[in-house]
All heavy atoms as atom14 arrays in JSON, in Angstrom:
{
  "sequence": "PNAERHLHSPEEMARRFRDLPNAVTNTLRIADACVFTLEDLG",
  "atom14_mask": [
    [1, 1, 1, 1, 1, 1, 1, 0, 0, 0, 0, 0, 0, 0],
    [1, 1, 1, 1, 1, 1, 1, 1, 0, 0, 0, 0, 0, 0],
    [1, 1, 1, 1, 1, 0, 0, 0, 0, 0, 0, 0, 0, 0],
    [1, 1, 1, 1, 1, 1, 1, 1, 1, 0, 0, 0, 0, 0],
    [1, 1, 1, 1, 1, 1, 1, 1, 1, 1, 1, 0, 0, 0],
    [1, 1, 1, 1, 1, 1, 1, 1, 1, 1, 0, 0, 0, 0],
    [1, 1, 1, 1, 1, 1, 1, 1, 0, 0, 0, 0, 0, 0],
    [1, 1, 1, 1, 1, 1, 1, 1, 1, 1, 0, 0, 0, 0],
    [1, 1, 1, 1, 1, 1, 0, 0, 0, 0, 0, 0, 0, 0],
    [1, 1, 1, 1, 1, 1, 1, 0, 0, 0, 0, 0, 0, 0],
    [1, 1, 1, 1, 1, 1, 1, 1, 1, 0, 0, 0, 0, 0],
    [1, 1, 1, 1, 1, 1, 1, 1, 1, 0, 0, 0, 0, 0],
    [1, 1, 1, 1, 1, 1, 1, 1, 0, 0, 0, 0, 0, 0],
    [1, 1, 1, 1, 1, 0, 0, 0, 0, 0, 0, 0, 0, 0],
    [1, 1, 1, 1, 1, 1, 1, 1, 1, 1, 1, 0, 0, 0],
    [1, 1, 1, 1, 1, 1, 1, 1, 1, 1, 1, 0, 0, 0],
    [1, 1, 1, 1, 1, 1, 1, 1, 1, 1, 1, 0, 0, 0],
    [1, 1, 1, 1, 1, 1, 1, 1, 1, 1, 1, 0, 0, 0],
    [1, 1, 1, 1, 1, 1, 1, 1, 0, 0, 0, 0, 0, 0],
    [1, 1, 1, 1, 1, 1, 1, 1, 0, 0, 0, 0, 0, 0],
    [1, 1, 1, 1, 1, 1, 1, 0, 0, 0, 0, 0, 0, 0],
    [1, 1, 1, 1, 1, 1, 1, 1, 0, 0, 0, 0, 0, 0],
    [1, 1, 1, 1, 1, 0, 0, 0, 0, 0, 0, 0, 0, 0],
    [1, 1, 1, 1, 1, 1, 1, 0, 0, 0, 0, 0, 0, 0],
    [1, 1, 1, 1, 1, 1, 1, 0, 0, 0, 0, 0, 0, 0],
    [1, 1, 1, 1, 1, 1, 1, 1, 0, 0, 0, 0, 0, 0],
    [1, 1, 1, 1, 1, 1, 1, 0, 0, 0, 0, 0, 0, 0],
    [1, 1, 1, 1, 1, 1, 1, 1, 0, 0, 0, 0, 0, 0],
    [1, 1, 1, 1, 1, 1, 1, 1, 1, 1, 1, 0, 0, 0],
    [1, 1, 1, 1, 1, 1, 1, 1, 0, 0, 0, 0, 0, 0],
    [1, 1, 1, 1, 1, 0, 0, 0, 0, 0, 0, 0, 0, 0],
    [1, 1, 1, 1, 1, 1, 1, 1, 0, 0, 0, 0, 0, 0],
    [1, 1, 1, 1, 1, 0, 0, 0, 0, 0, 0, 0, 0, 0],
    [1, 1, 1, 1, 1, 1, 0, 0, 0, 0, 0, 0, 0, 0],
    [1, 1, 1, 1, 1, 1, 1, 0, 0, 0, 0, 0, 0, 0],
    [1, 1, 1, 1, 1, 1, 1, 1, 1, 1, 1, 0, 0, 0],
    [1, 1, 1, 1, 1, 1, 1, 0, 0, 0, 0, 0, 0, 0],
    [1, 1, 1, 1, 1, 1, 1, 1, 0, 0, 0, 0, 0, 0],
    [1, 1, 1, 1, 1, 1, 1, 1, 1, 0, 0, 0, 0, 0],
    [1, 1, 1, 1, 1, 1, 1, 1, 0, 0, 0, 0, 0, 0],
    [1, 1, 1, 1, 1, 1, 1, 1, 0, 0, 0, 0, 0, 0],
    [1, 1, 1, 1, 0, 0, 0, 0, 0, 0, 0, 0, 0, 0]
  ],
  "atom14_positions": [
    [[17.56, 8.82, 9.03], [17.7, 10.28, 9.26], [16.5, 10.92, 9.96], [16.62, 12.06, 10.45], [17.84, 10.82, 7.84], [17.23, 9.8, 6.95], [17.49, 8.49, 7.62], [0.0, 0.0, 0.0], [0.0, 0.0, 0.0], [0.0, 0.0, 0.0], [0.0, 0.0, 0.0], [0.0, 0.0, 0.0], [0.0, 0.0, 0.0], [0.0, 0.0, 0.0]],
    [[15.32, 10.27, 9.92], [14.17, 10.9, 10.58], [13.2, 9.8, 11.09], [13.54, 8.6, 10.97], [13.46, 11.84, 9.63], [13.09, 11.17, 8.3], [12.56, 10.05, 8.31], [13.4, 11.83, 7.21], [0.0, 0.0, 0.0], [0.0, 0.0, 0.0], [0.0, 0.0, 0.0], [0.0, 0.0, 0.0], [0.0, 0.0, 0.0], [0.0, 0.0, 0.0]],
    [[12.09, 10.24, 11.61], [11.13, 9.29, 12.21], [9.98, 8.99, 11.25], [8.87, 8.63, 11.7], [10.59, 9.82, 13.52], [0.0, 0.0, 0.0], [0.0, 0.0, 0.0], [0.0, 0.0, 0.0], [0.0, 0.0, 0.0], [0.0, 0.0, 0.0], [0.0, 0.0, 0.0], [0.0, 0.0, 0.0], [0.0, 0.0, 0.0], [0.0, 0.0, 0.0]],
    [[10.19, 9.13, 9.94], [9.14, 9.0, 8.97], [8.73, 7.53, 8.66], [7.74, 7.33, 8.02], [9.51, 9.68, 7.68], [9.43, 11.16, 7.74], [7.99, 11.65, 7.99], [7.13, 11.26, 7.17], [7.73, 12.35, 8.98], [0.0, 0.0, 0.0], [0.0, 0.0, 0.0], [0.0, 0.0, 0.0], [0.0, 0.0, 0.0], [0.0, 0.0, 0.0]],
    [[9.51, 6.59, 9.15], [9.17, 5.18, 8.83], [8.16, 4.6, 9.83], [8.34, 3.51, 10.36], [10.45, 4.35, 8.75], [11.18, 4.5, 7.43], [12.43, 3.65, 7.41], [13.05, 3.61, 6.09], [13.84, 4.54, 5.61], [14.08, 5.64, 6.3], [14.39, 4.36, 4.4], [0.0, 0.0, 0.0], [0.0, 0.0, 0.0], [0.0, 0.0, 0.0]],
    [[7.14, 5.35, 10.06], [6.01, 4.82, 10.85], [4.8, 4.72, 9.92], [4.85, 5.18, 8.82], [5.73, 5.73, 12.08], [5.29, 7.15, 11.67], [3.99, 7.47, 11.42], [6.01, 8.26, 11.48], [3.86, 8.74, 11.12], [5.08, 9.27, 11.12], [0.0, 0.0, 0.0], [0.0, 0.0, 0.0], [0.0, 0.0, 0.0], [0.0, 0.0, 0.0]],
    [[3.77, 4.07, 10.4], [2.61, 3.91, 9.55], [1.92, 5.28, 9.33], [1.75, 6.06, 10.28], [1.63, 2.97, 10.22], [1.91, 1.48, 10.06], [0.99, 0.65, 10.97], [1.78, 1.01, 8.62], [0.0, 0.0, 0.0], [0.0, 0.0, 0.0], [0.0, 0.0, 0.0], [0.0, 0.0, 0.0], [0.0, 0.0, 0.0], [0.0, 0.0, 0.0]],
    [[1.53, 5.55, 8.11], [0.77, 6.72, 7.75], [-0.58, 6.31, 7.22], [-0.79, 5.14, 6.84], [1.52, 7.53, 6.67], [2.85, 8.06, 7.14], [2.96, 9.26, 7.81], [4.1, 7.56, 7.04], [4.27, 9.48, 8.06], [4.95, 8.44, 7.63], [0.0, 0.0, 0.0], [0.0, 0.0, 0.0], [0.0, 0.0, 0.0], [0.0, 0.0, 0.0]],
    [[-1.52, 7.24, 7.22], [-2.85, 6.93, 6.69], [-2.79, 6.7, 5.2], [-1.91, 7.2, 4.5], [-3.8, 8.06, 7.03], [-3.49, 9.21, 6.24], [0.0, 0.0, 0.0], [0.0, 0.0, 0.0], [0.0, 0.0, 0.0], [0.0, 0.0, 0.0], [0.0, 0.0, 0.0], [0.0, 0.0, 0.0], [0.0, 0.0, 0.0], [0.0, 0.0, 0.0]],
    [[-3.75, 5.94, 4.65], [-3.81, 5.79, 3.19], [-3.88, 7.13, 2.45], [-3.25, 7.29, 1.43], [-5.08, 4.96, 2.97], [-5.28, 4.24, 4.25], [-4.8, 5.17, 5.33], [0.0, 0.0, 0.0], [0.0, 0.0, 0.0], [0.0, 0.0, 0.0], [0.0, 0.0, 0.0], [0.0, 0.0, 0.0], [0.0, 0.0, 0.0], [0.0, 0.0, 0.0]],
    [[-4.62, 8.07, 2.99], [-4.73, 9.38, 2.35], [-3.4, 10.09, 2.3], [-3.05, 10.72, 1.31], [-5.79, 10.22, 3.05], [-7.19, 9.67, 2.99], [-7.47, 8.47, 3.87], [-6.66, 8.25, 4.81], [-8.43, 7.76, 3.62], [0.0, 0.0, 0.0], [0.0, 0.0, 0.0], [0.0, 0.0, 0.0], [0.0, 0.0, 0.0], [0.0, 0.0, 0.0]],
    [[-2.62, 10.02, 3.38], [-1.33, 10.69, 3.43], [-0.37, 10.05, 2.45], [0.39, 10.77, 1.74], [-0.76, 10.6, 4.86], [0.73, 10.97, 4.98], [1.02, 12.42, 4.56], [0.06, 13.23, 4.52], [2.2, 12.74, 4.34], [0.0, 0.0, 0.0], [0.0, 0.0, 0.0], [0.0, 0.0, 0.0], [0.0, 0.0, 0.0], [0.0, 0.0, 0.0]],
    [[-0.36, 8.7, 2.33], [0.53, 8.04, 1.39], [0.11, 8.38, -0.04], [0.97, 8.57, -0.92], [0.5, 6.56, 1.61], [1.13, 6.12, 2.93], [2.85, 6.65, 3.1], [3.63, 5.76, 1.78], [0.0, 0.0, 0.0], [0.0, 0.0, 0.0], [0.0, 0.0, 0.0], [0.0, 0.0, 0.0], [0.0, 0.0, 0.0], [0.0, 0.0, 0.0]],
    [[-1.18, 8.44, -0.32], [-1.63, 8.82, -1.67], [-1.18, 10.22, -1.99], [-0.84, 10.56, -3.13], [-3.13, 8.66, -1.78], [0.0, 0.0, 0.0], [0.0, 0.0, 0.0], [0.0, 0.0, 0.0], [0.0, 0.0, 0.0], [0.0, 0.0, 0.0], [0.0, 0.0, 0.0], [0.0, 0.0, 0.0], [0.0, 0.0, 0.0], [0.0, 0.0, 0.0]],
    [[-1.24, 11.1, -1.0], [-0.82, 12.51, -1.21], [0.67, 12.58, -1.5], [1.1, 13.35, -2.36], [-1.14, 13.35, 0.04], [-0.81, 14.81, -0.11], [-0.88, 15.53, 1.22], [0.19, 15.09, 2.11], [1.46, 15.49, 2.0], [1.84, 16.32, 1.08], [2.36, 15.02, 2.86], [0.0, 0.0, 0.0], [0.0, 0.0, 0.0], [0.0, 0.0, 0.0]],
    [[1.49, 11.81, -0.81], [2.95, 11.82, -1.04], [3.33, 11.42, -2.45], [4.34, 11.85, -2.98], [3.65, 10.93, -0.01], [3.59, 11.45, 1.4], [4.48, 10.65, 2.33], [4.43, 11.18, 3.67], [5.31, 10.89, 4.63], [6.28, 10.02, 4.4], [5.24, 11.47, 5.83], [0.0, 0.0, 0.0], [0.0, 0.0, 0.0], [0.0, 0.0, 0.0]],
    [[2.52, 10.53, -3.0], [2.84, 10.06, -4.33], [1.82, 10.55, -5.37], [1.57, 9.87, -6.4], [2.83, 8.5, -4.34], [4.03, 7.9, -3.62], [3.99, 7.64, -2.28], [5.19, 7.63, -4.32], [5.09, 7.07, -1.63], [6.31, 7.06, -3.69], [6.27, 6.77, -2.32], [0.0, 0.0, 0.0], [0.0, 0.0, 0.0], [0.0, 0.0, 0.0]],
    [[1.25, 11.73, -5.12], [0.26, 12.22, -6.05], [0.81, 12.5, -7.44], [0.05, 12.53, -8.41], [-0.37, 13.49, -5.47], [0.57, 14.65, -5.23], [-0.2, 15.8, -4.5], [0.69, 16.91, -4.25], [1.46, 17.02, -3.16], [1.46, 16.05, -2.27], [2.21, 18.07, -2.98], [0.0, 0.0, 0.0], [0.0, 0.0, 0.0], [0.0, 0.0, 0.0]],
    [[2.13, 12.71, -7.56], [2.73, 12.92, -8.91], [2.97, 11.59, -9.62], [3.33, 11.58, -10.82], [4.06, 13.69, -8.75], [5.04, 12.94, -7.89], [4.64, 12.36, -6.87], [6.26, 12.91, -8.25], [0.0, 0.0, 0.0], [0.0, 0.0, 0.0], [0.0, 0.0, 0.0], [0.0, 0.0, 0.0], [0.0, 0.0, 0.0], [0.0, 0.0, 0.0]],
    [[2.81, 10.46, -8.88], [3.0, 9.13, -9.5], [1.72, 8.31, -9.15], [1.81, 7.33, -8.37], [4.24, 8.45, -8.92], [5.58, 9.09, -9.31], [6.72, 8.49, -8.52], [5.85, 8.91, -10.82], [0.0, 0.0, 0.0], [0.0, 0.0, 0.0], [0.0, 0.0, 0.0], [0.0, 0.0, 0.0], [0.0, 0.0, 0.0], [0.0, 0.0, 0.0]],
    [[0.59, 8.64, -9.7], [-0.64, 7.96, -9.34], [-0.58, 6.46, -9.62], [-1.24, 5.68, -8.89], [-1.71, 8.67, -10.2], [-0.95, 9.3, -11.31], [0.38, 9.67, -10.74], [0.0, 0.0, 0.0], [0.0, 0.0, 0.0], [0.0, 0.0, 0.0], [0.0, 0.0, 0.0], [0.0, 0.0, 0.0], [0.0, 0.0, 0.0], [0.0, 0.0, 0.0]],
    [[0.16, 6.04, -10.64], [0.21, 4.58, -10.91], [0.95, 3.86, -9.78], [0.69, 2.65, -9.59], [0.85, 4.29, -12.25], [2.18, 4.96, -12.43], [2.51, 5.95, -11.75], [3.02, 4.43, -13.35], [0.0, 0.0, 0.0], [0.0, 0.0, 0.0], [0.0, 0.0, 0.0], [0.0, 0.0, 0.0], [0.0, 0.0, 0.0], [0.0, 0.0, 0.0]],
    [[1.87, 4.52, -9.08], [2.58, 3.85, -7.97], [1.58, 3.55, -6.85], [1.76, 2.61, -6.13], [3.71, 4.73, -7.49], [0.0, 0.0, 0.0], [0.0, 0.0, 0.0], [0.0, 0.0, 0.0], [0.0, 0.0, 0.0], [0.0, 0.0, 0.0], [0.0, 0.0, 0.0], [0.0, 0.0, 0.0], [0.0, 0.0, 0.0], [0.0, 0.0, 0.0]],
    [[0.59, 4.41, -6.7], [-0.47, 4.19, -5.68], [-1.48, 3.14, -6.18], [-1.83, 2.22, -5.46], [-1.17, 5.52, -5.33], [-2.29, 5.28, -4.35], [-0.17, 6.5, -4.79], [0.0, 0.0, 0.0], [0.0, 0.0, 0.0], [0.0, 0.0, 0.0], [0.0, 0.0, 0.0], [0.0, 0.0, 0.0], [0.0, 0.0, 0.0], [0.0, 0.0, 0.0]],
    [[-1.89, 3.28, -7.41], [-2.84, 2.34, -7.99], [-2.3, 0.89, -7.98], [-3.03, -0.06, -7.74], [-3.19, 2.73, -9.42], [-3.73, 4.06, -9.45], [-4.22, 1.76, -10.01], [0.0, 0.0, 0.0], [0.0, 0.0, 0.0], [0.0, 0.0, 0.0], [0.0, 0.0, 0.0], [0.0, 0.0, 0.0], [0.0, 0.0, 0.0], [0.0, 0.0, 0.0]],
    [[-0.97, 0.78, -8.16], [-0.4, -0.55, -8.18], [-0.44, -1.22, -6.81], [-0.38, -2.44, -6.71], [1.04, -0.48, -8.69], [1.11, -0.36, -10.21], [0.2, -0.75, -10.91], [2.19, 0.2, -10.72], [0.0, 0.0, 0.0], [0.0, 0.0, 0.0], [0.0, 0.0, 0.0], [0.0, 0.0, 0.0], [0.0, 0.0, 0.0], [0.0, 0.0, 0.0]],
    [[-0.49, -0.45, -5.75], [-0.65, -1.07, -4.42], [-1.99, -1.76, -4.35], [-2.08, -2.87, -3.73], [-0.52, -0.05, -3.25], [-1.64, 0.84, -3.28], [0.76, 0.77, -3.35], [0.0, 0.0, 0.0], [0.0, 0.0, 0.0], [0.0, 0.0, 0.0], [0.0, 0.0, 0.0], [0.0, 0.0, 0.0], [0.0, 0.0, 0.0], [0.0, 0.0, 0.0]],
    [[-3.02, -1.18, -4.92], [-4.32, -1.83, -4.94], [-4.31, -3.06, -5.85], [-4.94, -4.08, -5.53], [-5.4, -0.84, -5.43], [-5.43, 0.5, -4.73], [-6.55, 1.4, -5.32], [-5.57, 0.39, -3.24], [0.0, 0.0, 0.0], [0.0, 0.0, 0.0], [0.0, 0.0, 0.0], [0.0, 0.0, 0.0], [0.0, 0.0, 0.0], [0.0, 0.0, 0.0]],
    [[-3.65, -2.92, -6.98], [-3.59, -4.06, -7.96], [-2.84, -5.26, -7.27], [-3.31, -6.4, -7.41], [-2.85, -3.63, -9.18], [-2.77, -4.73, -10.28], [-2.19, -4.16, -11.55], [-3.11, -3.22, -12.18], [-2.84, -1.94, -12.33], [-1.72, -1.42, -11.88], [-3.7, -1.13, -12.9], [0.0, 0.0, 0.0], [0.0, 0.0, 0.0], [0.0, 0.0, 0.0]],
    [[-1.78, -5.0, -6.58], [-1.06, -6.08, -5.92], [-1.92, -6.71, -4.82], [-1.98, -7.95, -4.66], [0.29, -5.58, -5.37], [1.22, -5.2, -6.52], [0.94, -6.67, -4.47], [2.47, -4.5, -6.08], [0.0, 0.0, 0.0], [0.0, 0.0, 0.0], [0.0, 0.0, 0.0], [0.0, 0.0, 0.0], [0.0, 0.0, 0.0], [0.0, 0.0, 0.0]],
    [[-2.58, -5.84, -4.06], [-3.42, -6.35, -2.97], [-4.55, -7.22, -3.53], [-4.93, -8.25, -2.95], [-3.99, -5.19, -2.17], [0.0, 0.0, 0.0], [0.0, 0.0, 0.0], [0.0, 0.0, 0.0], [0.0, 0.0, 0.0], [0.0, 0.0, 0.0], [0.0, 0.0, 0.0], [0.0, 0.0, 0.0], [0.0, 0.0, 0.0], [0.0, 0.0, 0.0]],
    [[-5.09, -6.85, -4.69], [-6.12, -7.67, -5.33], [-5.57, -9.03, -5.71], [-6.28, -10.06, -5.62], [-6.61, -6.97, -6.61], [-7.76, -5.99, -6.32], [-8.26, -6.02, -5.21], [-8.11, -5.22, -7.23], [0.0, 0.0, 0.0], [0.0, 0.0, 0.0], [0.0, 0.0, 0.0], [0.0, 0.0, 0.0], [0.0, 0.0, 0.0], [0.0, 0.0, 0.0]],
    [[-4.31, -9.08, -6.13], [-3.71, -10.34, -6.56], [-3.35, -11.25, -5.4], [-3.33, -12.47, -5.53], [-2.45, -10.07, -7.41], [0.0, 0.0, 0.0], [0.0, 0.0, 0.0], [0.0, 0.0, 0.0], [0.0, 0.0, 0.0], [0.0, 0.0, 0.0], [0.0, 0.0, 0.0], [0.0, 0.0, 0.0], [0.0, 0.0, 0.0], [0.0, 0.0, 0.0]],
    [[-3.07, -10.67, -4.23], [-2.65, -11.42, -3.03], [-3.89, -11.9, -2.28], [-4.25, -11.28, -1.27], [-1.71, -10.59, -2.2], [-0.13, -10.21, -3.02], [0.0, 0.0, 0.0], [0.0, 0.0, 0.0], [0.0, 0.0, 0.0], [0.0, 0.0, 0.0], [0.0, 0.0, 0.0], [0.0, 0.0, 0.0], [0.0, 0.0, 0.0], [0.0, 0.0, 0.0]],
    [[-4.49, -12.92, -2.73], [-5.75, -13.4, -2.1], [-5.49, -14.4, -0.96], [-6.44, -14.69, -0.19], [-6.65, -14.12, -3.16], [-7.04, -13.12, -4.26], [-5.97, -15.28, -3.8], [0.0, 0.0, 0.0], [0.0, 0.0, 0.0], [0.0, 0.0, 0.0], [0.0, 0.0, 0.0], [0.0, 0.0, 0.0], [0.0, 0.0, 0.0], [0.0, 0.0, 0.0]],
    [[-4.3, -14.83, -0.75], [-4.0, -15.84, 0.24], [-4.04, -15.26, 1.62], [-3.55, -14.13, 1.88], [-2.64, -16.45, 0.02], [-2.21, -17.46, 1.07], [-2.62, -18.77, 1.0], [-1.44, -17.03, 2.17], [-2.23, -19.64, 2.0], [-1.04, -17.93, 3.16], [-1.47, -19.23, 3.07], [0.0, 0.0, 0.0], [0.0, 0.0, 0.0], [0.0, 0.0, 0.0]],
    [[-4.6, -15.99, 2.57], [-4.49, -15.69, 4.0], [-4.17, -17.0, 4.74], [-4.36, -18.09, 4.17], [-5.78, -15.07, 4.58], [-6.78, -16.09, 4.77], [-6.3, -13.95, 3.72], [0.0, 0.0, 0.0], [0.0, 0.0, 0.0], [0.0, 0.0, 0.0], [0.0, 0.0, 0.0], [0.0, 0.0, 0.0], [0.0, 0.0, 0.0], [0.0, 0.0, 0.0]],
    [[-3.8, -16.9, 5.98], [-3.55, -18.13, 6.74], [-4.79, -19.01, 6.9], [-4.65, -20.2, 7.1], [-2.98, -17.79, 8.12], [-1.56, -17.21, 8.18], [-1.07, -17.19, 9.62], [-0.61, -18.0, 7.32], [0.0, 0.0, 0.0], [0.0, 0.0, 0.0], [0.0, 0.0, 0.0], [0.0, 0.0, 0.0], [0.0, 0.0, 0.0], [0.0, 0.0, 0.0]],
    [[-5.97, -18.44, 6.74], [-7.14, -19.22, 6.8], [-7.24, -20.21, 5.62], [-7.99, -21.2, 5.7], [-8.39, -18.32, 6.83], [-8.48, -17.47, 8.12], [-9.66, -16.52, 8.02], [-10.42, -16.58, 7.05], [-9.76, -15.71, 8.98], [0.0, 0.0, 0.0], [0.0, 0.0, 0.0], [0.0, 0.0, 0.0], [0.0, 0.0, 0.0], [0.0, 0.0, 0.0]],
    [[-6.53, -19.92, 4.55], [-6.55, -20.79, 3.39], [-5.49, -21.89, 3.47], [-5.39, -22.67, 2.51], [-6.26, -19.96, 2.12], [-7.26, -18.83, 1.94], [-8.44, -19.06, 2.29], [-6.87, -17.76, 1.49], [0.0, 0.0, 0.0], [0.0, 0.0, 0.0], [0.0, 0.0, 0.0], [0.0, 0.0, 0.0], [0.0, 0.0, 0.0], [0.0, 0.0, 0.0]],
    [[-4.75, -21.93, 4.53], [-3.62, -22.85, 4.64], [-4.04, -24.28, 4.5], [-3.45, -25.08, 3.76], [-2.83, -22.61, 5.91], [-1.44, -23.2, 6.01], [-0.59, -22.72, 4.85], [-0.78, -22.81, 7.33], [0.0, 0.0, 0.0], [0.0, 0.0, 0.0], [0.0, 0.0, 0.0], [0.0, 0.0, 0.0], [0.0, 0.0, 0.0], [0.0, 0.0, 0.0]],
    [[-5.09, -24.69, 5.24], [-5.64, -26.03, 5.15], [-4.59, -27.09, 5.36], [-4.56, -28.09, 4.68], [0.0, 0.0, 0.0], [0.0, 0.0, 0.0], [0.0, 0.0, 0.0], [0.0, 0.0, 0.0], [0.0, 0.0, 0.0], [0.0, 0.0, 0.0], [0.0, 0.0, 0.0], [0.0, 0.0, 0.0], [0.0, 0.0, 0.0], [0.0, 0.0, 0.0]]
  ]
}
């Protein structure tokens, strides 16, 4: 319905979910858990 599915800044996304702070905090928690990169492929 609109053009909103483009990349937004971290600050804008945190603002959009300011009523659900744990939804934002969980993005950081998941990122912390995802330690793998292609450099680790070996």
